[in-house]
Amino acid sequence: MGKVLSRAPFAQSMDEVFAHYTLALIAGFVLAKWFVENVKFHLRTKKVWLHHWILAALAMCVLYFFKIFTPVIWGALCGIALEGLVRKNWSLRREN
């Protein structure tokens, strides 16, 4: 737990860390929803569609590997991933 607090420069307590994480999660979800609905940017081939939830999960793996545990970053990435997972079409394989 010391690492989480040491990487959250504005947080003084676990309550504040949780608040920062939660606010970032909501912001990440809302921004991902707006971006997906308003910006036509896709990473896909004829067979594979790399959805934003996959990109967020990959970013989380990189952060975990490098031991970066900043609550705001993790919250935002979690919000982005959750926004993608609640959509109807979230699979990796592209339907014809």
PDB file of N, CA and C in Angstrom:
ATOM      1  N   MET A   1       0.810  -1.200   0.000  1.00  0.00           N
ATOM      2  CA  MET A   1       0.000   0.000   0.000  1.00  0.00           C
ATOM      3  C   MET A   1       0.847   1.255   0.000  1.00  0.00           C
ATOM      4  N   GLY A   2       2.051   1.174   0.490  1.00  0.00           N
ATOM      5  CA  GLY A   2       2.912   2.336   0.495  1.00  0.00           C
ATOM      6  C   GLY A   2       3.236   2.831  -0.897  1.00  0.00           C
ATOM      7  N   LYS A   3       3.360   1.888  -1.853  1.00  0.00           N
ATOM      8  CA  LYS A   3       3.663   2.289  -3.226  1.00  0.00           C
ATOM      9  C   LYS A   3       2.529   3.095  -3.834  1.00  0.00           C
ATOM     10  N   VAL A   4       1.297   2.699  -3.546  1.00  0.00           N
ATOM     11  CA  VAL A   4       0.152   3.423  -4.098  1.00  0.00           C
ATOM     12  C   VAL A   4       0.159   4.855  -3.588  1.00  0.00           C
ATOM     13  N   LEU A   5       0.348   5.023  -2.293  1.00  0.00           N
ATOM     14  CA  LEU A   5       0.352   6.370  -1.732  1.00  0.00           C
ATOM     15  C   LEU A   5       1.539   7.184  -2.233  1.00  0.00           C
ATOM     16  N   SER A   6       2.688   6.530  -2.403  1.00  0.00           N
ATOM     17  CA  SER A   6       3.858   7.282  -2.837  1.00  0.00           C
ATOM     18  C   SER A   6       3.737   7.747  -4.285  1.00  0.00           C
ATOM     19  N   ARG A   7       2.904   7.097  -5.084  1.00  0.00           N
ATOM     20  CA  ARG A   7       2.741   7.482  -6.484  1.00  0.00           C
ATOM     21  C   ARG A   7       1.527   8.379  -6.697  1.00  0.00           C
ATOM     22  N   ALA A   8       0.844   8.741  -5.665  1.00  0.00           N
ATOM     23  CA  ALA A   8      -0.303   9.643  -5.764  1.00  0.00           C
ATOM     24  C   ALA A   8       0.077  10.951  -5.074  1.00  0.00           C
ATOM     25  N   PRO A   9       0.681  11.884  -5.805  1.00  0.00           N
ATOM     26  CA  PRO A   9       1.264  13.067  -5.170  1.00  0.00           C
ATOM     27  C   PRO A   9       0.270  13.963  -4.453  1.00  0.00           C
ATOM     28  N   PHE A  10      -1.010  13.923  -4.843  1.00  0.00           N
ATOM     29  CA  PHE A  10      -1.981  14.813  -4.215  1.00  0.00           C
ATOM     30  C   PHE A  10      -2.756  14.128  -3.104  1.00  0.00           C
ATOM     31  N   ALA A  11      -2.604  12.834  -2.958  1.00  0.00           N
ATOM     32  CA  ALA A  11      -3.391  12.091  -1.976  1.00  0.00           C
ATOM     33  C   ALA A  11      -2.679  12.048  -0.628  1.00  0.00           C
ATOM     34  N   GLN A  12      -3.453  12.200   0.409  1.00  0.00           N
ATOM     35  CA  GLN A  12      -2.918  12.125   1.753  1.00  0.00           C
ATOM     36  C   GLN A  12      -3.395  10.879   2.486  1.00  0.00           C
ATOM     37  N   SER A  13      -4.461  10.258   2.019  1.00  0.00           N
ATOM     38  CA  SER A  13      -5.008   9.087   2.695  1.00  0.00           C
ATOM     39  C   SER A  13      -5.540   8.111   1.660  1.00  0.00           C
ATOM     40  N   MET A  14      -5.861   6.904   2.106  1.00  0.00           N
ATOM     41  CA  MET A  14      -6.447   5.907   1.208  1.00  0.00           C
ATOM     42  C   MET A  14      -7.806   6.375   0.700  1.00  0.00           C
ATOM     43  N   ASP A  15      -8.525   7.134   1.509  1.00  0.00           N
ATOM     44  CA  ASP A  15      -9.809   7.680   1.056  1.00  0.00           C
ATOM     45  C   ASP A  15      -9.610   8.588  -0.153  1.00  0.00           C
ATOM     46  N   GLU A  16      -8.585   9.419  -0.104  1.00  0.00           N
ATOM     47  CA  GLU A  16      -8.306  10.308  -1.233  1.00  0.00           C
ATOM     48  C   GLU A  16      -7.805   9.533  -2.448  1.00  0.00           C
ATOM     49  N   VAL A  17      -7.008   8.496  -2.212  1.00  0.00           N
ATOM     50  CA  VAL A  17      -6.552   7.649  -3.317  1.00  0.00           C
ATOM     51  C   VAL A  17      -7.760   7.019  -3.997  1.00  0.00           C
ATOM     52  N   PHE A  18      -8.679   6.487  -3.207  1.00  0.00           N
ATOM     53  CA  PHE A  18      -9.889   5.873  -3.759  1.00  0.00           C
ATOM     54  C   PHE A  18     -10.732   6.907  -4.503  1.00  0.00           C
ATOM     55  N   ALA A  19     -10.832   8.106  -3.964  1.00  0.00           N
ATOM     56  CA  ALA A  19     -11.599   9.165  -4.627  1.00  0.00           C
ATOM     57  C   ALA A  19     -10.970   9.521  -5.973  1.00  0.00           C
ATOM     58  N   HIS A  20      -9.651   9.646  -6.018  1.00  0.00           N
ATOM     59  CA  HIS A  20      -8.964   9.950  -7.283  1.00  0.00           C
ATOM     60  C   HIS A  20      -9.184   8.835  -8.296  1.00  0.00           C
ATOM     61  N   TYR A  21      -9.068   7.581  -7.851  1.00  0.00           N
ATOM     62  CA  TYR A  21      -9.280   6.434  -8.737  1.00  0.00           C
ATOM     63  C   TYR A  21     -10.704   6.440  -9.289  1.00  0.00           C
ATOM     64  N   THR A  22     -11.676   6.659  -8.416  1.00  0.00           N
ATOM     65  CA  THR A  22     -13.083   6.624  -8.822  1.00  0.00           C
ATOM     66  C   THR A  22     -13.414   7.745  -9.793  1.00  0.00           C
ATOM     67  N   LEU A  23     -12.955   8.940  -9.508  1.00  0.00           N
ATOM     68  CA  LEU A  23     -13.198  10.061 -10.424  1.00  0.00           C
ATOM     69  C   LEU A  23     -12.537   9.824 -11.779  1.00  0.00           C
ATOM     70  N   ALA A  24     -11.339   9.266 -11.770  1.00  0.00           N
ATOM     71  CA  ALA A  24     -10.653   8.962 -13.028  1.00  0.00           C
ATOM     72  C   ALA A  24     -11.373   7.858 -13.790  1.00  0.00           C
ATOM     73  N   LEU A  25     -11.917   6.877 -13.081  1.00  0.00           N
ATOM     74  CA  LEU A  25     -12.678   5.809 -13.729  1.00  0.00           C
ATOM     75  C   LEU A  25     -13.887   6.382 -14.453  1.00  0.00           C
ATOM     76  N   ILE A  26     -14.620   7.238 -13.777  1.00  0.00           N
ATOM     77  CA  ILE A  26     -15.802   7.859 -14.390  1.00  0.00           C
ATOM     78  C   ILE A  26     -15.387   8.720 -15.580  1.00  0.00           C
ATOM     79  N   ALA A  27     -14.338   9.513 -15.409  1.00  0.00           N
ATOM     80  CA  ALA A  27     -13.871  10.370 -16.506  1.00  0.00           C
ATOM     81  C   ALA A  27     -13.398   9.529 -17.691  1.00  0.00           C
ATOM     82  N   GLY A  28     -12.676   8.449 -17.419  1.00  0.00           N
ATOM     83  CA  GLY A  28     -12.217   7.569 -18.494  1.00  0.00           C
ATOM     84  C   GLY A  28     -13.371   6.945 -19.246  1.00  0.00           C
ATOM     85  N   PHE A  29     -14.395   6.522 -18.515  1.00  0.00           N
ATOM     86  CA  PHE A  29     -15.580   5.925 -19.135  1.00  0.00           C
ATOM     87  C   PHE A  29     -16.287   6.941 -20.029  1.00  0.00           C
ATOM     88  N   VAL A  30     -16.521   8.131 -19.493  1.00  0.00           N
ATOM     89  CA  VAL A  30     -17.239   9.173 -20.235  1.00  0.00           C
ATOM     90  C   VAL A  30     -16.437   9.619 -21.462  1.00  0.00           C
ATOM     91  N   LEU A  31     -15.144   9.844 -21.288  1.00  0.00           N
ATOM     92  CA  LEU A  31     -14.320  10.272 -22.422  1.00  0.00           C
ATOM     93  C   LEU A  31     -14.227   9.188 -23.493  1.00  0.00           C
ATOM     94  N   ALA A  32     -14.120   7.929 -23.079  1.00  0.00           N
ATOM     95  CA  ALA A  32     -14.084   6.835 -24.057  1.00  0.00           C
ATOM     96  C   ALA A  32     -15.400   6.754 -24.814  1.00  0.00           C
ATOM     97  N   LYS A  33     -16.509   6.909 -24.103  1.00  0.00           N
ATOM     98  CA  LYS A  33     -17.823   6.867 -24.755  1.00  0.00           C
ATOM     99  C   LYS A  33     -17.950   8.003 -25.773  1.00  0.00           C
ATOM    100  N   TRP A  34     -17.556   9.202 -25.386  1.00  0.00           N
ATOM    101  CA  TRP A  34     -17.631  10.340 -26.305  1.00  0.00           C
ATOM    102  C   TRP A  34     -16.729  10.110 -27.513  1.00  0.00           C
ATOM    103  N   PHE A  35     -15.490   9.667 -27.257  1.00  0.00           N
ATOM    104  CA  PHE A  35     -14.526   9.463 -28.333  1.00  0.00           C
ATOM    105  C   PHE A  35     -15.018   8.418 -29.328  1.00  0.00           C
ATOM    106  N   VAL A  36     -15.509   7.293 -28.826  1.00  0.00           N
ATOM    107  CA  VAL A  36     -15.969   6.206 -29.702  1.00  0.00           C
ATOM    108  C   VAL A  36     -17.151   6.655 -30.552  1.00  0.00           C
ATOM    109  N   GLU A  37     -18.035   7.447 -29.981  1.00  0.00           N
ATOM    110  CA  GLU A  37     -19.235   7.863 -30.711  1.00  0.00           C
ATOM    111  C   GLU A  37     -19.000   9.053 -31.639  1.00  0.00           C
ATOM    112  N   ASN A  38     -17.924   9.800 -31.443  1.00  0.00           N
ATOM    113  CA  ASN A  38     -17.713  11.018 -32.226  1.00  0.00           C
ATOM    114  C   ASN A  38     -16.481  11.016 -33.127  1.00  0.00           C
ATOM    115  N   VAL A  39     -15.548  10.133 -32.884  1.00  0.00           N
ATOM    116  CA  VAL A  39     -14.316  10.099 -33.669  1.00  0.00           C
ATOM    117  C   VAL A  39     -14.236   8.759 -34.394  1.00  0.00           C
ATOM    118  N   LYS A  40     -14.055   8.807 -35.672  1.00  0.00           N
ATOM    119  CA  LYS A  40     -13.976   7.582 -36.473  1.00  0.00           C
ATOM    120  C   LYS A  40     -12.517   7.153 -36.602  1.00  0.00           C
ATOM    121  N   PHE A  41     -12.019   6.464 -35.596  1.00  0.00           N
ATOM    122  CA  PHE A  41     -10.650   5.965 -35.578  1.00  0.00           C
ATOM    123  C   PHE A  41     -10.700   4.493 -35.213  1.00  0.00           C
ATOM    124  N   HIS A  42     -10.220   3.625 -36.092  1.00  0.00           N
ATOM    125  CA  HIS A  42     -10.291   2.188 -35.845  1.00  0.00           C
ATOM    126  C   HIS A  42      -8.945   1.534 -36.128  1.00  0.00           C
ATOM    127  N   LEU A  43      -8.585   0.602 -35.286  1.00  0.00           N
ATOM    128  CA  LEU A  43      -7.413  -0.239 -35.515  1.00  0.00           C
ATOM    129  C   LEU A  43      -7.941  -1.630 -35.837  1.00  0.00           C
ATOM    130  N   ARG A  44      -8.019  -1.942 -37.123  1.00  0.00           N
ATOM    131  CA  ARG A  44      -8.587  -3.227 -37.510  1.00  0.00           C
ATOM    132  C   ARG A  44      -8.014  -3.700 -38.842  1.00  0.00           C
ATOM    133  N   THR A  45      -8.133  -5.008 -39.029  1.00  0.00           N
ATOM    134  CA  THR A  45      -7.805  -5.640 -40.300  1.00  0.00           C
ATOM    135  C   THR A  45      -9.067  -6.348 -40.778  1.00  0.00           C
ATOM    136  N   LYS A  46      -8.926  -7.172 -41.803  1.00  0.00           N
ATOM    137  CA  LYS A  46     -10.096  -7.900 -42.293  1.00  0.00           C
ATOM    138  C   LYS A  46     -10.591  -8.936 -41.293  1.00  0.00           C
ATOM    139  N   LYS A  47      -9.692  -9.413 -40.417  1.00  0.00           N
ATOM    140  CA  LYS A  47     -10.068 -10.466 -39.469  1.00  0.00           C
ATOM    141  C   LYS A  47     -10.100 -10.021 -38.009  1.00  0.00           C
ATOM    142  N   VAL A  48      -9.313  -9.023 -37.667  1.00  0.00           N
ATOM    143  CA  VAL A  48      -9.162  -8.635 -36.260  1.00  0.00           C
ATOM    144  C   VAL A  48      -9.534  -7.169 -36.074  1.00  0.00           C
ATOM    145  N   TRP A  49     -10.261  -6.906 -34.987  1.00  0.00           N
ATOM    146  CA  TRP A  49     -10.614  -5.540 -34.614  1.00  0.00           C
ATOM    147  C   TRP A  49     -10.031  -5.296 -33.226  1.00  0.00           C
ATOM    148  N   LEU A  50      -9.084  -4.379 -33.139  1.00  0.00           N
ATOM    149  CA  LEU A  50      -8.444  -4.075 -31.866  1.00  0.00           C
ATOM    150  C   LEU A  50      -9.250  -2.988 -31.157  1.00  0.00           C
ATOM    151  N   HIS A  51     -10.153  -3.410 -30.292  1.00  0.00           N
ATOM    152  CA  HIS A  51     -11.047  -2.496 -29.587  1.00  0.00           C
ATOM    153  C   HIS A  51     -10.296  -1.719 -28.506  1.00  0.00           C
ATOM    154  N   HIS A  52     -10.910  -0.622 -28.055  1.00  0.00           N
ATOM    155  CA  HIS A  52     -10.249   0.215 -27.053  1.00  0.00           C
ATOM    156  C   HIS A  52     -10.122  -0.481 -25.705  1.00  0.00           C
ATOM    157  N   TRP A  53     -10.988  -1.426 -25.397  1.00  0.00           N
ATOM    158  CA  TRP A  53     -10.838  -2.149 -24.130  1.00  0.00           C
ATOM    159  C   TRP A  53      -9.584  -3.020 -24.162  1.00  0.00           C
ATOM    160  N   ILE A  54      -9.225  -3.528 -25.344  1.00  0.00           N
ATOM    161  CA  ILE A  54      -8.011  -4.335 -25.473  1.00  0.00           C
ATOM    162  C   ILE A  54      -6.782  -3.438 -25.319  1.00  0.00           C
ATOM    163  N   LEU A  55      -6.824  -2.274 -25.939  1.00  0.00           N
ATOM    164  CA  LEU A  55      -5.708  -1.331 -25.810  1.00  0.00           C
ATOM    165  C   LEU A  55      -5.518  -0.894 -24.355  1.00  0.00           C
ATOM    166  N   ALA A  56      -6.638  -0.652 -23.656  1.00  0.00           N
ATOM    167  CA  ALA A  56      -6.555  -0.266 -22.241  1.00  0.00           C
ATOM    168  C   ALA A  56      -5.967  -1.404 -21.410  1.00  0.00           C
ATOM    169  N   ALA A  57      -6.380  -2.631 -21.692  1.00  0.00           N
ATOM    170  CA  ALA A  57      -5.852  -3.786 -20.959  1.00  0.00           C
ATOM    171  C   ALA A  57      -4.355  -3.966 -21.220  1.00  0.00           C
ATOM    172  N   LEU A  58      -3.933  -3.768 -22.457  1.00  0.00           N
ATOM    173  CA  LEU A  58      -2.503  -3.850 -22.772  1.00  0.00           C
ATOM    174  C   LEU A  58      -1.718  -2.762 -22.044  1.00  0.00           C
ATOM    175  N   ALA A  59      -2.277  -1.562 -21.994  1.00  0.00           N
ATOM    176  CA  ALA A  59      -1.625  -0.471 -21.257  1.00  0.00           C
ATOM    177  C   ALA A  59      -1.516  -0.814 -19.774  1.00  0.00           C
ATOM    178  N   MET A  60      -2.553  -1.448 -19.220  1.00  0.00           N
ATOM    179  CA  MET A  60      -2.506  -1.866 -17.815  1.00  0.00           C
ATOM    180  C   MET A  60      -1.401  -2.895 -17.589  1.00  0.00           C
ATOM    181  N   CYS A  61      -1.236  -3.817 -18.520  1.00  0.00           N
ATOM    182  CA  CYS A  61      -0.169  -4.820 -18.405  1.00  0.00           C
ATOM    183  C   CYS A  61       1.204  -4.153 -18.398  1.00  0.00           C
ATOM    184  N   VAL A  62       1.382  -3.160 -19.252  1.00  0.00           N
ATOM    185  CA  VAL A  62       2.652  -2.430 -19.300  1.00  0.00           C
ATOM    186  C   VAL A  62       2.887  -1.693 -17.980  1.00  0.00           C
ATOM    187  N   LEU A  63       1.859  -1.021 -17.486  1.00  0.00           N
ATOM    188  CA  LEU A  63       1.989  -0.315 -16.206  1.00  0.00           C
ATOM    189  C   LEU A  63       2.329  -1.282 -15.079  1.00  0.00           C
ATOM    190  N   TYR A  64       1.666  -2.422 -15.069  1.00  0.00           N
ATOM    191  CA  TYR A  64       1.924  -3.421 -14.029  1.00  0.00           C
ATOM    192  C   TYR A  64       3.363  -3.930 -14.122  1.00  0.00           C
ATOM    193  N   PHE A  65       3.820  -4.204 -15.331  1.00  0.00           N
ATOM    194  CA  PHE A  65       5.182  -4.698 -15.536  1.00  0.00           C
ATOM    195  C   PHE A  65       6.213  -3.700 -15.003  1.00  0.00           C
ATOM    196  N   PHE A  66       5.997  -2.427 -15.263  1.00  0.00           N
ATOM    197  CA  PHE A  66       6.926  -1.395 -14.811  1.00  0.00           C
ATOM    198  C   PHE A  66       6.618  -0.885 -13.401  1.00  0.00           C
ATOM    199  N   LYS A  67       5.677  -1.534 -12.726  1.00  0.00           N
ATOM    200  CA  LYS A  67       5.310  -1.209 -11.341  1.00  0.00           C
ATOM    201  C   LYS A  67       4.884   0.252 -11.178  1.00  0.00           C
ATOM    202  N   ILE A  68       4.039   0.690 -12.093  1.00  0.00           N
ATOM    203  CA  ILE A  68       3.467   2.035 -12.021  1.00  0.00           C
ATOM    204  C   ILE A  68       2.044   1.883 -11.512  1.00  0.00           C
ATOM    205  N   PHE A  69       1.780   2.367 -10.334  1.00  0.00           N
ATOM    206  CA  PHE A  69       0.489   2.159  -9.684  1.00  0.00           C
ATOM    207  C   PHE A  69      -0.211   3.476  -9.355  1.00  0.00           C
ATOM    208  N   THR A  70      -0.158   4.417 -10.243  1.00  0.00           N
ATOM    209  CA  THR A  70      -0.814   5.705 -10.035  1.00  0.00           C
ATOM    210  C   THR A  70      -2.324   5.530 -10.166  1.00  0.00           C
ATOM    211  N   PRO A  71      -3.088   5.803  -9.099  1.00  0.00           N
ATOM    212  CA  PRO A  71      -4.535   5.541  -9.111  1.00  0.00           C
ATOM    213  C   PRO A  71      -5.300   6.256 -10.220  1.00  0.00           C
ATOM    214  N   VAL A  72      -4.912   7.479 -10.554  1.00  0.00           N
ATOM    215  CA  VAL A  72      -5.633   8.219 -11.596  1.00  0.00           C
ATOM    216  C   VAL A  72      -5.454   7.537 -12.955  1.00  0.00           C
ATOM    217  N   ILE A  73      -4.256   7.083 -13.242  1.00  0.00           N
ATOM    218  CA  ILE A  73      -4.010   6.403 -14.520  1.00  0.00           C
ATOM    219  C   ILE A  73      -4.765   5.084 -14.566  1.00  0.00           C
ATOM    220  N   TRP A  74      -4.692   4.302 -13.498  1.00  0.00           N
ATOM    221  CA  TRP A  74      -5.394   3.020 -13.452  1.00  0.00           C
ATOM    222  C   TRP A  74      -6.902   3.218 -13.517  1.00  0.00           C
ATOM    223  N   GLY A  75      -7.407   4.230 -12.852  1.00  0.00           N
ATOM    224  CA  GLY A  75      -8.843   4.500 -12.904  1.00  0.00           C
ATOM    225  C   GLY A  75      -9.302   4.866 -14.300  1.00  0.00           C
ATOM    226  N   ALA A  76      -8.544   5.728 -14.971  1.00  0.00           N
ATOM    227  CA  ALA A  76      -8.906   6.130 -16.338  1.00  0.00           C
ATOM    228  C   ALA A  76      -8.875   4.935 -17.281  1.00  0.00           C
ATOM    229  N   LEU A  77      -7.839   4.111 -17.192  1.00  0.00           N
ATOM    230  CA  LEU A  77      -7.754   2.930 -18.052  1.00  0.00           C
ATOM    231  C   LEU A  77      -8.864   1.931 -17.749  1.00  0.00           C
ATOM    232  N   CYS A  78      -9.203   1.796 -16.485  1.00  0.00           N
ATOM    233  CA  CYS A  78     -10.306   0.911 -16.104  1.00  0.00           C
ATOM    234  C   CYS A  78     -11.622   1.421 -16.687  1.00  0.00           C
ATOM    235  N   GLY A  79     -11.852   2.715 -16.634  1.00  0.00           N
ATOM    236  CA  GLY A  79     -13.057   3.296 -17.223  1.00  0.00           C
ATOM    237  C   GLY A  79     -13.119   3.085 -18.722  1.00  0.00           C
ATOM    238  N   ILE A  80     -11.987   3.234 -19.396  1.00  0.00           N
ATOM    239  CA  ILE A  80     -11.932   3.010 -20.841  1.00  0.00           C
ATOM    240  C   ILE A  80     -12.245   1.553 -21.161  1.00  0.00           C
ATOM    241  N   ALA A  81     -11.639   0.639 -20.411  1.00  0.00           N
ATOM    242  CA  ALA A  81     -11.881  -0.786 -20.649  1.00  0.00           C
ATOM    243  C   ALA A  81     -13.336  -1.153 -20.374  1.00  0.00           C
ATOM    244  N   LEU A  82     -13.888  -0.665 -19.289  1.00  0.00           N
ATOM    245  CA  LEU A  82     -15.282  -0.989 -18.956  1.00  0.00           C
ATOM    246  C   LEU A  82     -16.249  -0.443 -19.992  1.00  0.00           C
ATOM    247  N   GLU A  83     -15.971   0.745 -20.521  1.00  0.00           N
ATOM    248  CA  GLU A  83     -16.851   1.299 -21.549  1.00  0.00           C
ATOM    249  C   GLU A  83     -16.868   0.396 -22.778  1.00  0.00           C
ATOM    250  N   GLY A  84     -15.733  -0.156 -23.128  1.00  0.00           N
ATOM    251  CA  GLY A  84     -15.675  -1.050 -24.278  1.00  0.00           C
ATOM    252  C   GLY A  84     -16.334  -2.386 -24.024  1.00  0.00           C
ATOM    253  N   LEU A  85     -16.225  -2.886 -22.801  1.00  0.00           N
ATOM    254  CA  LEU A  85     -16.787  -4.201 -22.488  1.00  0.00           C
ATOM    255  C   LEU A  85     -18.304  -4.197 -22.378  1.00  0.00           C
ATOM    256  N   VAL A  86     -18.915  -3.055 -22.107  1.00  0.00           N
ATOM    257  CA  VAL A  86     -20.381  -3.023 -22.006  1.00  0.00           C
ATOM    258  C   VAL A  86     -21.045  -2.856 -23.364  1.00  0.00           C
ATOM    259  N   ARG A  87     -20.260  -2.665 -24.403  1.00  0.00           N
ATOM    260  CA  ARG A  87     -20.824  -2.537 -25.750  1.00  0.00           C
ATOM    261  C   ARG A  87     -21.231  -3.900 -26.292  1.00  0.00           C
ATOM    262  N   LYS A  88     -22.144  -3.871 -27.259  1.00  0.00           N
ATOM    263  CA  LYS A  88     -22.662  -5.102 -27.852  1.00  0.00           C
ATOM    264  C   LYS A  88     -21.571  -5.867 -28.608  1.00  0.00           C
ATOM    265  N   ASN A  89     -20.771  -5.167 -29.384  1.00  0.00           N
ATOM    266  CA  ASN A  89     -19.746  -5.806 -30.201  1.00  0.00           C
ATOM    267  C   ASN A  89     -18.375  -5.508 -29.612  1.00  0.00           C
ATOM    268  N   TRP A  90     -17.871  -6.410 -28.785  1.00  0.00           N
ATOM    269  CA  TRP A  90     -16.600  -6.169 -28.129  1.00  0.00           C
ATOM    270  C   TRP A  90     -15.568  -7.255 -28.399  1.00  0.00           C
ATOM    271  N   SER A  91     -15.855  -8.198 -29.269  1.00  0.00           N
ATOM    272  CA  SER A  91     -14.944  -9.317 -29.485  1.00  0.00           C
ATOM    273  C   SER A  91     -13.731  -8.912 -30.321  1.00  0.00           C
ATOM    274  N   LEU A  92     -12.693  -9.725 -30.240  1.00  0.00           N
ATOM    275  CA  LEU A  92     -11.456  -9.486 -30.972  1.00  0.00           C
ATOM    276  C   LEU A  92     -11.601  -9.862 -32.441  1.00  0.00           C
ATOM    277  N   ARG A  93     -12.324 -10.945 -32.697  1.00  0.00           N
ATOM    278  CA  ARG A  93     -12.521 -11.387 -34.078  1.00  0.00           C
ATOM    279  C   ARG A  93     -13.592 -10.547 -34.742  1.00  0.00           C
ATOM    280  N   ARG A  94     -13.311 -10.151 -35.934  1.00  0.00           N
ATOM    281  CA  ARG A  94     -14.222  -9.284 -36.675  1.00  0.00           C
ATOM    282  C   ARG A  94     -15.252 -10.118 -37.427  1.00  0.00           C
ATOM    283  N   GLU A  95     -16.518  -9.735 -37.303  1.00  0.00           N
ATOM    284  CA  GLU A  95     -17.585 -10.427 -38.018  1.00  0.00           C
ATOM    285  C   GLU A  95     -17.679  -9.887 -39.431  1.00  0.00           C
ATOM    286  N   ASN A  96     -17.970 -10.774 -40.366  1.00  0.00           N
ATOM    287  CA  ASN A  96     -18.089 -10.359 -41.779  1.00  0.00           C
ATOM    288  C   ASN A  96     -19.391  -9.677 -42.062  1.00  0.00           C
TER     289      ASN A  96
END
